[in-house]
Amino acid sequence: MHIQLHNLIGQQIIHNSKLYILIEIIDNGPLLVFQCQTEKEIQQDQHGNANRKSFPTFTIHCLNESRTDLHPVLKEMIHETEQIHLLNKLTK
């Protein structure tokens, strides 16, 4: 659906002093899913027990909280002219 967003998969960012890579776009939102590449965390199973170490992920919405602009992390990833085009598509 959002070809412009899907083309960003694989792009790296620094967030909270850690390296993250964009691993997935969830079209219903749309949402960006990032995975940490520098530090593993203990992952819990469905019962809350320590299961294994894995790279943590975080998900953000493409728009800011008031839905008037792109999320700051996304703005860092794309050129200003692309930002305007994408914002217009997402806020229609």
Protein backbone atom coordinates (compact mmCIF):
# COMPACT_ATOMS: atom_id res chain seq x y z
CA MET A 1 0.00 0.00 0.00
CA HIS A 2 2.65 2.53 1.03
CA ILE A 3 5.45 1.84 -1.44
CA GLN A 4 7.39 4.87 -0.22
CA LEU A 5 7.44 3.40 3.30
CA HIS A 6 8.25 -0.14 2.19
CA ASN A 7 11.29 1.21 0.34
CA LEU A 8 12.69 2.31 3.73
CA ILE A 9 12.94 -1.27 5.05
CA GLY A 10 16.54 -1.99 5.96
CA GLN A 11 17.39 1.62 6.74
CA GLN A 12 19.25 2.19 10.00
CA ILE A 13 18.73 4.89 12.63
CA ILE A 14 20.28 5.81 15.97
CA HIS A 15 17.62 6.04 18.71
CA ASN A 16 18.41 6.42 22.42
CA SER A 17 22.11 5.87 21.59
CA LYS A 18 21.38 2.45 20.05
CA LEU A 19 21.44 1.29 16.44
CA TYR A 20 18.06 0.19 15.06
CA ILE A 21 17.02 -1.14 11.67
CA LEU A 22 13.58 -0.79 10.10
CA ILE A 23 12.36 -4.38 9.68
CA GLU A 24 8.67 -4.08 8.83
CA ILE A 25 5.88 -1.75 7.74
CA ILE A 26 2.41 -2.54 9.03
CA ASP A 27 0.04 -1.02 6.49
CA ASN A 28 -2.87 -0.76 8.93
CA GLY A 29 -1.81 2.45 10.62
CA PRO A 30 0.68 2.62 9.00
CA LEU A 31 3.25 1.62 11.60
CA LEU A 32 7.03 1.28 11.46
CA VAL A 33 8.70 -1.61 13.31
CA PHE A 34 12.33 -1.19 14.31
CA GLN A 35 14.67 -3.81 15.77
CA CYS A 36 17.67 -2.99 17.96
CA GLN A 37 20.94 -4.21 16.48
CA THR A 38 23.28 -3.50 19.38
CA GLU A 39 21.84 -5.04 22.52
CA LYS A 40 19.81 -8.15 23.30
CA GLU A 41 17.23 -8.27 26.08
CA ILE A 42 15.66 -11.17 27.92
CA GLN A 43 12.39 -12.10 26.22
CA GLN A 44 9.58 -13.51 28.35
CA ASP A 45 7.28 -16.35 27.34
CA GLN A 46 3.47 -16.16 27.63
CA HIS A 47 3.72 -16.93 31.39
CA GLY A 48 6.23 -14.16 32.12
CA ASN A 49 9.18 -16.53 32.55
CA ALA A 50 12.57 -15.69 31.09
CA ASN A 51 12.74 -17.50 27.79
CA ARG A 52 15.69 -16.31 25.70
CA LYS A 53 17.70 -13.27 24.71
CA SER A 54 16.57 -11.48 21.58
CA PHE A 55 16.93 -8.11 19.93
CA PRO A 56 14.12 -5.81 21.19
CA THR A 57 11.77 -4.04 18.82
CA PHE A 58 9.69 -0.90 19.02
CA THR A 59 6.81 0.28 16.87
CA ILE A 60 5.82 3.83 16.01
CA HIS A 61 2.93 5.34 14.10
CA CYS A 62 3.98 7.28 11.00
CA LEU A 63 2.21 10.41 12.23
CA ASN A 64 2.78 12.39 15.42
CA GLU A 65 0.30 12.17 18.29
CA SER A 66 -1.88 14.99 16.98
CA ARG A 67 -1.75 13.48 13.44
CA THR A 68 -0.65 16.82 11.98
CA ASP A 69 2.90 15.90 10.99
CA LEU A 70 5.15 12.91 10.46
CA HIS A 71 6.69 11.20 13.48
CA PRO A 72 10.12 12.75 14.25
CA VAL A 73 11.89 9.41 13.71
CA LEU A 74 10.34 9.05 10.26
CA LYS A 75 11.26 12.65 9.42
CA GLU A 76 14.91 11.78 10.07
CA MET A 77 14.72 8.95 7.55
CA ILE A 78 13.39 10.75 4.47
CA HIS A 79 14.20 13.90 2.50
CA GLU A 80 12.10 17.00 3.15
CA THR A 81 10.37 16.91 -0.25
CA GLU A 82 9.39 13.28 0.34
CA GLN A 83 8.09 14.22 3.78
CA ILE A 84 5.57 16.64 2.30
CA HIS A 85 4.36 14.11 -0.26
CA LEU A 86 4.03 11.33 2.34
CA LEU A 87 2.29 13.59 4.86
CA ASN A 88 -0.28 14.56 2.23
CA LYS A 89 -0.96 10.86 1.47
CA LEU A 90 -1.28 9.89 5.14
CA THR A 91 -3.55 12.75 6.19
CA LYS A 92 -6.11 12.43 3.35
